[in-house]
C-alpha atoms as a PDB file:
ATOM      1  CA  MET A   1      -8.370   0.048 -53.873  1.00  0.00           C
ATOM      2  CA  ARG A   2      -5.822  -1.861 -52.709  1.00  0.00           C
ATOM      3  CA  LEU A   3      -3.145  -0.225 -53.861  1.00  0.00           C
ATOM      4  CA  VAL A   4      -4.432   3.125 -52.646  1.00  0.00           C
ATOM      5  CA  LEU A   5      -4.967   0.957 -48.521  1.00  0.00           C
ATOM      6  CA  LEU A   6      -1.490  -0.150 -49.021  1.00  0.00           C
ATOM      7  CA  LEU A   7       0.158   3.418 -49.913  1.00  0.00           C
ATOM      8  CA  ALA A   8      -1.783   4.712 -47.102  1.00  0.00           C
ATOM      9  CA  LEU A   9      -0.243   2.274 -44.319  1.00  0.00           C
ATOM     10  CA  THR A  10       3.117   2.772 -46.487  1.00  0.00           C
ATOM     11  CA  LEU A  11       2.806   6.374 -45.762  1.00  0.00           C
ATOM     12  CA  LEU A  12       1.259   6.342 -41.828  1.00  0.00           C
ATOM     13  CA  LEU A  13       4.493   3.973 -41.007  1.00  0.00           C
ATOM     14  CA  SER A  14       7.038   6.322 -43.255  1.00  0.00           C
ATOM     15  CA  ALA A  15       5.315   9.045 -40.731  1.00  0.00           C
ATOM     16  CA  CYS A  16       5.579   7.076 -37.126  1.00  0.00           C
ATOM     17  CA  HIS A  17       9.065   5.862 -38.611  1.00  0.00           C
ATOM     18  CA  SER A  18      10.509   6.906 -35.306  1.00  0.00           C
ATOM     19  CA  ALA A  19       7.690   5.224 -33.096  1.00  0.00           C
ATOM     20  CA  LEU A  20       9.174   1.842 -34.551  1.00  0.00           C
ATOM     21  CA  GLU A  21      10.484  -1.060 -32.185  1.00  0.00           C
ATOM     22  CA  GLN A  22      12.470  -4.016 -33.886  1.00  0.00           C
ATOM     23  CA  ARG A  23      11.853  -7.174 -31.835  1.00  0.00           C
ATOM     24  CA  ASN A  24      12.830 -10.708 -32.899  1.00  0.00           C
ATOM     25  CA  GLY A  25      11.804 -11.182 -36.507  1.00  0.00           C
ATOM     26  CA  TYR A  26       9.600  -8.135 -36.347  1.00  0.00           C
ATOM     27  CA  TRP A  27       8.475  -4.800 -36.067  1.00  0.00           C
ATOM     28  CA  VAL A  28       5.791  -3.058 -33.586  1.00  0.00           C
ATOM     29  CA  ASP A  29       4.635   0.430 -34.429  1.00  0.00           C
ATOM     30  CA  THR A  30       4.381   2.292 -30.594  1.00  0.00           C
ATOM     31  CA  ALA A  31       3.123   5.655 -31.918  1.00  0.00           C
ATOM     32  CA  HIS A  32      -0.993   4.986 -31.282  1.00  0.00           C
ATOM     33  CA  PRO A  33      -0.820   4.179 -26.860  1.00  0.00           C
ATOM     34  CA  ALA A  34      -4.552   3.066 -25.930  1.00  0.00           C
ATOM     35  CA  GLN A  35      -6.667   5.389 -23.751  1.00  0.00           C
ATOM     36  CA  GLY A  36      -7.811   2.446 -22.002  1.00  0.00           C
ATOM     37  CA  ALA A  37      -4.350   1.629 -20.665  1.00  0.00           C
ATOM     38  CA  ARG A  38      -3.650   1.708 -16.948  1.00  0.00           C
ATOM     39  CA  PRO A  39      -0.440   0.282 -15.063  1.00  0.00           C
ATOM     40  CA  ARG A  40      -0.563  -3.345 -13.345  1.00  0.00           C
ATOM     41  CA  ILE A  41       0.655  -2.042 -10.677  1.00  0.00           C
ATOM     42  CA  ARG A  42      -1.512   0.190  -8.435  1.00  0.00           C
ATOM     43  CA  VAL A  43      -1.215  -0.358  -4.610  1.00  0.00           C
ATOM     44  CA  VAL A  44       1.941  -1.109  -2.605  1.00  0.00           C
ATOM     45  CA  VAL A  45       1.672  -3.162   0.332  1.00  0.00           C
ATOM     46  CA  LEU A  46       3.443  -2.578   3.442  1.00  0.00           C
ATOM     47  CA  HIS A  47       4.605  -5.392   5.881  1.00  0.00           C
ATOM     48  CA  TYR A  48       6.792  -6.800   8.432  1.00  0.00           C
ATOM     49  CA  THR A  49       8.595  -9.856   8.497  1.00  0.00           C
ATOM     50  CA  ALA A  50       8.097 -10.864  12.175  1.00  0.00           C
ATOM     51  CA  GLU A  51      11.920 -12.601  11.918  1.00  0.00           C
ATOM     52  CA  ASP A  52      15.443 -11.539  11.463  1.00  0.00           C
ATOM     53  CA  PHE A  53      16.875 -10.778   8.083  1.00  0.00           C
ATOM     54  CA  PRO A  54      18.751 -14.343   7.555  1.00  0.00           C
ATOM     55  CA  ALA A  55      15.202 -16.078   8.088  1.00  0.00           C
ATOM     56  CA  SER A  56      13.192 -13.666   6.505  1.00  0.00           C
ATOM     57  CA  LEU A  57      15.295 -13.873   3.314  1.00  0.00           C
ATOM     58  CA  ALA A  58      15.016 -17.877   4.069  1.00  0.00           C
ATOM     59  CA  THR A  59      11.727 -17.617   4.062  1.00  0.00           C
ATOM     60  CA  LEU A  60      10.820 -15.243   0.872  1.00  0.00           C
ATOM     61  CA  THR A  61      12.901 -17.127  -1.512  1.00  0.00           C
ATOM     62  CA  ASP A  62      11.048 -20.487  -0.634  1.00  0.00           C
ATOM     63  CA  ARG A  63       8.010 -21.377  -2.805  1.00  0.00           C
ATOM     64  CA  GLU A  64       4.959 -20.691   0.049  1.00  0.00           C
ATOM     65  CA  VAL A  65       5.769 -16.610   0.287  1.00  0.00           C
ATOM     66  CA  SER A  66       7.428 -13.614  -1.735  1.00  0.00           C
ATOM     67  CA  ALA A  67       7.899  -9.908  -1.837  1.00  0.00           C
ATOM     68  CA  HIS A  68       9.468  -8.060  -4.108  1.00  0.00           C
ATOM     69  CA  TYR A  69      11.761  -6.294  -1.697  1.00  0.00           C
ATOM     70  CA  LEU A  70      13.302  -6.921   1.552  1.00  0.00           C
ATOM     71  CA  ILE A  71      14.920  -4.102   3.838  1.00  0.00           C
ATOM     72  CA  PRO A  72      16.992  -5.250   6.080  1.00  0.00           C
ATOM     73  CA  ARG A  73      17.224  -3.434  10.091  1.00  0.00           C
ATOM     74  CA  GLN A  74      20.937  -1.896   9.112  1.00  0.00           C
ATOM     75  CA  PRO A  75      21.049  -2.015   5.456  1.00  0.00           C
ATOM     76  CA  PRO A  76      24.782  -2.541   4.228  1.00  0.00           C
ATOM     77  CA  GLN A  77      26.640   0.174   1.976  1.00  0.00           C
ATOM     78  CA  GLN A  78      27.726  -0.043  -1.461  1.00  0.00           C
ATOM     79  CA  ALA A  79      29.298   3.519  -2.507  1.00  0.00           C
ATOM     80  CA  GLY A  80      28.045   5.124   0.616  1.00  0.00           C
ATOM     81  CA  GLU A  81      24.002   3.959  -0.680  1.00  0.00           C
ATOM     82  CA  ALA A  82      21.979   1.373   1.498  1.00  0.00           C
ATOM     83  CA  VAL A  83      21.741  -2.068  -0.139  1.00  0.00           C
ATOM     84  CA  ILE A  84      18.296  -3.662  -0.143  1.00  0.00           C
ATOM     85  CA  TRP A  85      17.337  -7.242  -1.586  1.00  0.00           C
ATOM     86  CA  GLN A  86      14.923  -7.382  -4.680  1.00  0.00           C
ATOM     87  CA  LEU A  87      13.433 -10.891  -4.691  1.00  0.00           C
ATOM     88  CA  VAL A  88      11.056 -10.605  -7.471  1.00  0.00           C
ATOM     89  CA  PRO A  89      10.885  -7.940 -10.676  1.00  0.00           C
ATOM     90  CA  GLU A  90       8.222  -5.805 -10.512  1.00  0.00           C
ATOM     91  CA  SER A  91       6.975  -7.316 -13.704  1.00  0.00           C
ATOM     92  CA  GLN A  92       5.820 -10.249 -11.771  1.00  0.00           C
ATOM     93  CA  LEU A  93       3.592 -11.404  -9.093  1.00  0.00           C
ATOM     94  CA  ALA A  94       4.917 -11.622  -6.159  1.00  0.00           C
ATOM     95  CA  TRP A  95       2.872 -13.536  -3.000  1.00  0.00           C
ATOM     96  CA  HIS A  96       3.115 -11.503  -0.264  1.00  0.00           C
ATOM     97  CA  ALA A  97      -0.812 -10.302   0.501  1.00  0.00           C
ATOM     98  CA  GLY A  98      -3.019 -13.280   0.477  1.00  0.00           C
ATOM     99  CA  PRO A  99      -6.647 -12.878   0.602  1.00  0.00           C
ATOM    100  CA  SER A 100      -7.439  -9.358   0.395  1.00  0.00           C
ATOM    101  CA  PHE A 101      -9.235  -6.388  -0.460  1.00  0.00           C
ATOM    102  CA  TRP A 102      -8.762  -2.982  -0.986  1.00  0.00           C
ATOM    103  CA  ARG A 103     -10.599   0.030  -2.462  1.00  0.00           C
ATOM    104  CA  GLY A 104     -12.848  -2.455  -4.290  1.00  0.00           C
ATOM    105  CA  ALA A 105     -10.293  -4.892  -5.463  1.00  0.00           C
ATOM    106  CA  THR A 106      -9.812  -8.450  -4.422  1.00  0.00           C
ATOM    107  CA  ARG A 107      -6.345 -10.380  -5.237  1.00  0.00           C
ATOM    108  CA  LEU A 108      -4.015  -7.786  -4.482  1.00  0.00           C
ATOM    109  CA  ASN A 109      -1.351  -9.929  -5.250  1.00  0.00           C
ATOM    110  CA  ASP A 110      -2.095  -9.242  -8.834  1.00  0.00           C
ATOM    111  CA  THR A 111      -1.663  -5.196  -8.645  1.00  0.00           C
ATOM    112  CA  SER A 112       0.565  -4.761  -6.359  1.00  0.00           C
ATOM    113  CA  VAL A 113       4.487  -4.609  -4.908  1.00  0.00           C
ATOM    114  CA  GLY A 114       5.138  -5.679  -1.804  1.00  0.00           C
ATOM    115  CA  ILE A 115       7.629  -4.800   0.517  1.00  0.00           C
ATOM    116  CA  GLU A 116       9.043  -6.258   3.470  1.00  0.00           C
ATOM    117  CA  ILE A 117      11.035  -4.807   6.165  1.00  0.00           C
ATOM    118  CA  VAL A 118      12.867  -6.700   8.723  1.00  0.00           C
ATOM    119  CA  ASN A 119      11.170  -6.271  12.048  1.00  0.00           C
ATOM    120  CA  GLN A 120      10.287  -8.860  14.768  1.00  0.00           C
ATOM    121  CA  GLY A 121       6.893  -7.093  15.140  1.00  0.00           C
ATOM    122  CA  TYR A 122       5.789  -7.264  18.510  1.00  0.00           C
ATOM    123  CA  ARG A 123       6.259  -9.591  21.731  1.00  0.00           C
ATOM    124  CA  ARG A 124       3.671 -10.125  24.541  1.00  0.00           C
ATOM    125  CA  THR A 125       4.419  -8.144  28.294  1.00  0.00           C
ATOM    126  CA  LEU A 126       3.106  -8.401  31.292  1.00  0.00           C
ATOM    127  CA  THR A 127       1.843  -5.049  30.170  1.00  0.00           C
ATOM    128  CA  GLY A 128       0.736  -5.477  26.738  1.00  0.00           C
ATOM    129  CA  LEU A 129       2.141  -5.937  23.340  1.00  0.00           C
ATOM    130  CA  GLN A 130       6.029  -4.323  22.863  1.00  0.00           C
ATOM    131  CA  TRP A 131       6.579  -3.505  19.403  1.00  0.00           C
ATOM    132  CA  GLN A 132       9.721  -2.933  18.201  1.00  0.00           C
ATOM    133  CA  PRO A 133      10.719   0.111  16.119  1.00  0.00           C
ATOM    134  CA  PHE A 134      11.500   0.528  12.633  1.00  0.00           C
ATOM    135  CA  THR A 135      15.501   1.929  11.964  1.00  0.00           C
ATOM    136  CA  ALA A 136      16.483   5.269  10.743  1.00  0.00           C
ATOM    137  CA  ALA A 137      18.166   3.385   8.214  1.00  0.00           C
ATOM    138  CA  GLN A 138      15.102   1.126   7.080  1.00  0.00           C
ATOM    139  CA  GLN A 139      12.793   4.577   6.979  1.00  0.00           C
ATOM    140  CA  GLN A 140      15.523   6.600   4.760  1.00  0.00           C
ATOM    141  CA  VAL A 141      15.597   3.882   2.186  1.00  0.00           C
ATOM    142  CA  LEU A 142      11.973   2.844   2.175  1.00  0.00           C
ATOM    143  CA  THR A 143      11.237   6.723   1.267  1.00  0.00           C
ATOM    144  CA  MET A 144      13.846   6.659  -1.712  1.00  0.00           C
ATOM    145  CA  LEU A 145      12.105   2.920  -2.710  1.00  0.00           C
ATOM    146  CA  LEU A 146       8.396   4.180  -2.228  1.00  0.00           C
ATOM    147  CA  ARG A 147       9.340   7.358  -4.199  1.00  0.00           C
ATOM    148  CA  ASP A 148      10.297   5.468  -7.135  1.00  0.00           C
ATOM    149  CA  ILE A 149       7.582   3.213  -7.040  1.00  0.00           C
ATOM    150  CA  ILE A 150       4.973   6.333  -6.769  1.00  0.00           C
ATOM    151  CA  ARG A 151       6.989   7.786  -9.379  1.00  0.00           C
ATOM    152  CA  ARG A 152       6.785   4.850 -11.857  1.00  0.00           C
ATOM    153  CA  TYR A 153       3.414   3.631 -11.573  1.00  0.00           C
ATOM    154  CA  GLY A 154       1.825   7.208 -10.466  1.00  0.00           C
ATOM    155  CA  ILE A 155       0.178   5.769  -7.534  1.00  0.00           C
ATOM    156  CA  ALA A 156      -2.393   7.655  -5.565  1.00  0.00           C
ATOM    157  CA  PRO A 157      -1.389   8.410  -1.673  1.00  0.00           C
ATOM    158  CA  GLU A 158      -4.363   5.924  -0.499  1.00  0.00           C
ATOM    159  CA  ASN A 159      -2.783   2.727  -2.349  1.00  0.00           C
ATOM    160  CA  ILE A 160       0.269   3.332  -0.119  1.00  0.00           C
ATOM    161  CA  VAL A 161      -1.190   0.472   2.597  1.00  0.00           C
ATOM    162  CA  GLY A 162      -0.230  -1.968   5.362  1.00  0.00           C
ATOM    163  CA  HIS A 163      -0.976  -5.697   5.424  1.00  0.00           C
ATOM    164  CA  SER A 164      -3.073  -4.934   8.120  1.00  0.00           C
ATOM    165  CA  ASP A 165      -4.975  -2.572   5.671  1.00  0.00           C
ATOM    166  CA  ILE A 166      -6.022  -4.880   3.460  1.00  0.00           C
ATOM    167  CA  ALA A 167      -6.288  -8.063   5.491  1.00  0.00           C
ATOM    168  CA  PRO A 168      -7.146  -6.875   8.377  1.00  0.00           C
ATOM    169  CA  GLN A 169      -9.005  -9.849  10.007  1.00  0.00           C
ATOM    170  CA  ARG A 170      -5.743 -11.757   9.662  1.00  0.00           C
ATOM    171  CA  LYS A 171      -2.552  -9.482   9.834  1.00  0.00           C
ATOM    172  CA  GLN A 172      -1.263  -6.646  12.064  1.00  0.00           C
ATOM    173  CA  ASP A 173       1.852  -5.710  10.137  1.00  0.00           C
ATOM    174  CA  PRO A 174       3.161  -3.062   9.836  1.00  0.00           C
ATOM    175  CA  GLY A 175       2.113  -2.455  13.185  1.00  0.00           C
ATOM    176  CA  PRO A 176       1.538   1.140  15.142  1.00  0.00           C
ATOM    177  CA  LEU A 177       5.171   2.200  15.222  1.00  0.00           C
ATOM    178  CA  PHE A 178       5.142   2.156  11.789  1.00  0.00           C
ATOM    179  CA  PRO A 179       5.867   5.792  10.467  1.00  0.00           C
ATOM    180  CA  TRP A 180       3.024   6.649   8.134  1.00  0.00           C
ATOM    181  CA  GLN A 181       2.533   9.834   9.334  1.00  0.00           C
ATOM    182  CA  GLN A 182       6.369  11.332   8.848  1.00  0.00           C
ATOM    183  CA  LEU A 183       6.298   9.717   5.378  1.00  0.00           C
ATOM    184  CA  ALA A 184       2.638  11.287   4.714  1.00  0.00           C
ATOM    185  CA  GLN A 185       4.850  14.718   5.428  1.00  0.00           C
ATOM    186  CA  GLN A 186       7.134  13.673   2.424  1.00  0.00           C
ATOM    187  CA  GLY A 187       4.736  13.016   0.463  1.00  0.00           C
ATOM    188  CA  ILE A 188       4.271   9.757   0.348  1.00  0.00           C
ATOM    189  CA  GLY A 189       0.792   8.027   1.131  1.00  0.00           C
ATOM    190  CA  ALA A 190      -2.205   8.824   2.833  1.00  0.00           C
ATOM    191  CA  TRP A 191      -3.004  11.564   6.036  1.00  0.00           C
ATOM    192  CA  PRO A 192      -5.878  13.251   7.084  1.00  0.00           C
ATOM    193  CA  ASP A 193      -5.618  17.060   7.597  1.00  0.00           C
ATOM    194  CA  ALA A 194      -5.910  17.885  11.280  1.00  0.00           C
ATOM    195  CA  ALA A 195      -7.668  21.176  10.568  1.00  0.00           C
ATOM    196  CA  THR A 196     -10.682  18.817   8.849  1.00  0.00           C
ATOM    197  CA  VAL A 197     -10.481  15.918  11.905  1.00  0.00           C
ATOM    198  CA  GLN A 198     -11.290  18.891  14.006  1.00  0.00           C
ATOM    199  CA  ARG A 199     -14.016  20.391  12.133  1.00  0.00           C
ATOM    200  CA  TYR A 200     -15.912  17.058  12.209  1.00  0.00           C
ATOM    201  CA  LEU A 201     -15.080  16.467  15.466  1.00  0.00           C
ATOM    202  CA  ALA A 202     -17.017  19.884  16.405  1.00  0.00           C
ATOM    203  CA  GLY A 203     -16.004  19.768  20.032  1.00  0.00           C
ATOM    204  CA  GLN A 204     -16.877  16.256  21.005  1.00  0.00           C
ATOM    205  CA  ALA A 205     -14.573  14.414  23.108  1.00  0.00           C
ATOM    206  CA  ALA A 206     -12.209  12.083  20.949  1.00  0.00           C
ATOM    207  CA  ASP A 207     -13.445   9.440  22.861  1.00  0.00           C
ATOM    208  CA  GLN A 208     -17.179   9.734  22.601  1.00  0.00           C
ATOM    209  CA  PRO A 209     -19.061   6.477  21.673  1.00  0.00           C
ATOM    210  CA  VAL A 210     -20.263   6.628  18.184  1.00  0.00           C
ATOM    211  CA  SER A 211     -22.440   4.072  16.492  1.00  0.00           C
ATOM    212  CA  PRO A 212     -20.206   0.946  15.063  1.00  0.00           C
ATOM    213  CA  GLU A 213     -22.688   0.675  11.687  1.00  0.00           C
ATOM    214  CA  ARG A 214     -21.682   4.266  10.987  1.00  0.00           C
ATOM    215  CA  LEU A 215     -18.013   3.810  11.764  1.00  0.00           C
ATOM    216  CA  LEU A 216     -17.809   1.032   9.408  1.00  0.00           C
ATOM    217  CA  ALA A 217     -19.928   1.968   6.835  1.00  0.00           C
ATOM    218  CA  THR A 218     -17.640   5.325   6.614  1.00  0.00           C
ATOM    219  CA  LEU A 219     -14.248   2.966   6.462  1.00  0.00           C
ATOM    220  CA  GLN A 220     -16.135   0.659   3.669  1.00  0.00           C
ATOM    221  CA  ARG A 221     -16.653   3.876   1.761  1.00  0.00           C
ATOM    222  CA  TYR A 222     -12.741   4.924   2.112  1.00  0.00           C
ATOM    223  CA  GLY A 223     -11.422   1.502   1.408  1.00  0.00           C
ATOM    224  CA  TYR A 224     -11.624  -1.346   3.721  1.00  0.00           C
ATOM    225  CA  ASP A 225     -13.651  -4.515   3.691  1.00  0.00           C
ATOM    226  CA  ALA A 226     -16.310  -3.678   6.078  1.00  0.00           C
ATOM    227  CA  ALA A 227     -18.937  -5.153   4.483  1.00  0.00           C
ATOM    228  CA  THR A 228     -17.525  -8.667   5.558  1.00  0.00           C
ATOM    229  CA  ALA A 229     -16.777  -7.836   9.405  1.00  0.00           C
ATOM    230  CA  ARG A 230     -20.383  -8.880  10.847  1.00  0.00           C
ATOM    231  CA  THR A 231     -19.577 -10.143  14.237  1.00  0.00           C
ATOM    232  CA  PRO A 232     -18.235  -7.719  16.968  1.00  0.00           C
ATOM    233  CA  GLU A 233     -14.725  -9.174  17.108  1.00  0.00           C
ATOM    234  CA  SER A 234     -13.820  -9.028  13.714  1.00  0.00           C
ATOM    235  CA  GLN A 235     -15.379  -5.442  13.579  1.00  0.00           C
ATOM    236  CA  ARG A 236     -12.987  -4.430  16.436  1.00  0.00           C
ATOM    237  CA  LYS A 237     -10.216  -6.335  14.300  1.00  0.00           C
ATOM    238  CA  LEU A 238     -11.018  -3.930  11.157  1.00  0.00           C
ATOM    239  CA  ILE A 239     -11.506  -0.542  13.464  1.00  0.00           C
ATOM    240  CA  ALA A 240      -8.459  -1.244  15.244  1.00  0.00           C
ATOM    241  CA  ALA A 241      -6.580  -1.477  11.759  1.00  0.00           C
ATOM    242  CA  PHE A 242      -7.610   1.578  10.981  1.00  0.00           C
ATOM    243  CA  GLN A 243      -6.190   2.528  13.966  1.00  0.00           C
ATOM    244  CA  MET A 244      -2.962   1.681  13.825  1.00  0.00           C
ATOM    245  CA  HIS A 245      -2.606   3.568  10.419  1.00  0.00           C
ATOM    246  CA  PHE A 246      -3.968   6.669  11.095  1.00  0.00           C
ATOM    247  CA  ARG A 247      -4.176   7.221  15.024  1.00  0.00           C
ATOM    248  CA  PRO A 248      -1.722   4.685  16.654  1.00  0.00           C
ATOM    249  CA  GLN A 249      -1.478   6.050  19.485  1.00  0.00           C
ATOM    250  CA  ASP A 250      -5.062   4.135  20.676  1.00  0.00           C
ATOM    251  CA  TYR A 251      -5.820   1.274  18.629  1.00  0.00           C
ATOM    252  CA  ARG A 252      -7.800  -0.758  21.022  1.00  0.00           C
ATOM    253  CA  GLY A 253     -10.527  -0.803  18.164  1.00  0.00           C
ATOM    254  CA  LEU A 254     -13.318   1.070  19.747  1.00  0.00           C
ATOM    255  CA  ALA A 255     -15.804   2.795  17.707  1.00  0.00           C
ATOM    256  CA  ASP A 256     -14.911   6.728  19.214  1.00  0.00           C
ATOM    257  CA  ALA A 257     -15.553  10.491  17.592  1.00  0.00           C
ATOM    258  CA  GLU A 258     -11.699  10.758  16.887  1.00  0.00           C
ATOM    259  CA  THR A 259     -11.861   7.241  14.370  1.00  0.00           C
ATOM    260  CA  LEU A 260     -15.046   8.825  12.580  1.00  0.00           C
ATOM    261  CA  ALA A 261     -13.451  12.089  12.381  1.00  0.00           C
ATOM    262  CA  ILE A 262     -10.515  10.650  10.968  1.00  0.00           C
ATOM    263  CA  ALA A 263     -12.286   8.699   8.405  1.00  0.00           C
ATOM    264  CA  ARG A 264     -14.476  11.630   7.376  1.00  0.00           C
ATOM    265  CA  ALA A 265     -11.666  13.968   6.734  1.00  0.00           C
ATOM    266  CA  LEU A 266      -9.474  10.860   4.837  1.00  0.00           C
ATOM    267  CA  LEU A 267     -12.844  10.606   2.817  1.00  0.00           C
ATOM    268  CA  ALA A 268     -12.607  14.597   2.196  1.00  0.00           C
ATOM    269  CA  ARG A 269      -9.062  14.409   0.869  1.00  0.00           C
ATOM    270  CA  TYR A 270      -8.651  11.402  -1.028  1.00  0.00           C
ATOM    271  CA  GLY A 271     -12.127  10.773  -2.340  1.00  0.00           C
ATOM    272  CA  GLU A 272     -14.656   7.146  -2.301  1.00  0.00           C
ATOM    273  CA  ALA A 273     -13.004   3.748  -3.304  1.00  0.00           C
ATOM    274  CA  GLN A 274     -14.736   3.490  -6.548  1.00  0.00           C
END
């Protein structure tokens, strides 16, 4: 019996010889991948640095904070192509998300790639916040980087997010000038279908007030951490984070009909958080 088992094992190894991988003093048979496996990386989190490039590089290579990639405002060229900085291998964890939540998951550092984009964020003026635009060169190389990451890990569109999406009580980056819609037009990230938004609006004025509780429940279904937003101010911050991503022309954090219609259109297109 033992001889039969050894023979069967030998035949199996011979049949799968092309799947054998030699390592340091042993061999591994890779012919039987488990169906329950999935990539560790499921989310991409986009940030602005709020500092110039030298300060950003110093901060992100110190002990307290890190990110996988850093994109300067005007990336230098090498053989006609942009150069960006990889500070942490994708296989390793970077400290960029902090306390976070997205679509039922916490500890987003464990399952994400963090991309920092050099941008000063905002400055306060007499007429309100003035945000710094992202450069065309940044947008171009970011598009290529995101395409590569999505291809490598099969990341769903709804899992391309901003720091403010996963930590709306603490963060505002990448801010209302980040080109989410332009990226979505190139197949990167989520964006609501305009016709579906209009169908859910059903002739209501965009600024028609709606129940904050109803809007927050819809945002929770899509993936935001609305369950812990219990005060009016925390609810406003969460709604504003959603609006900065999906309706940046008005991100005051008011619960209105257009915001609810956008959230419902996203659910119709991408489904509920599991």
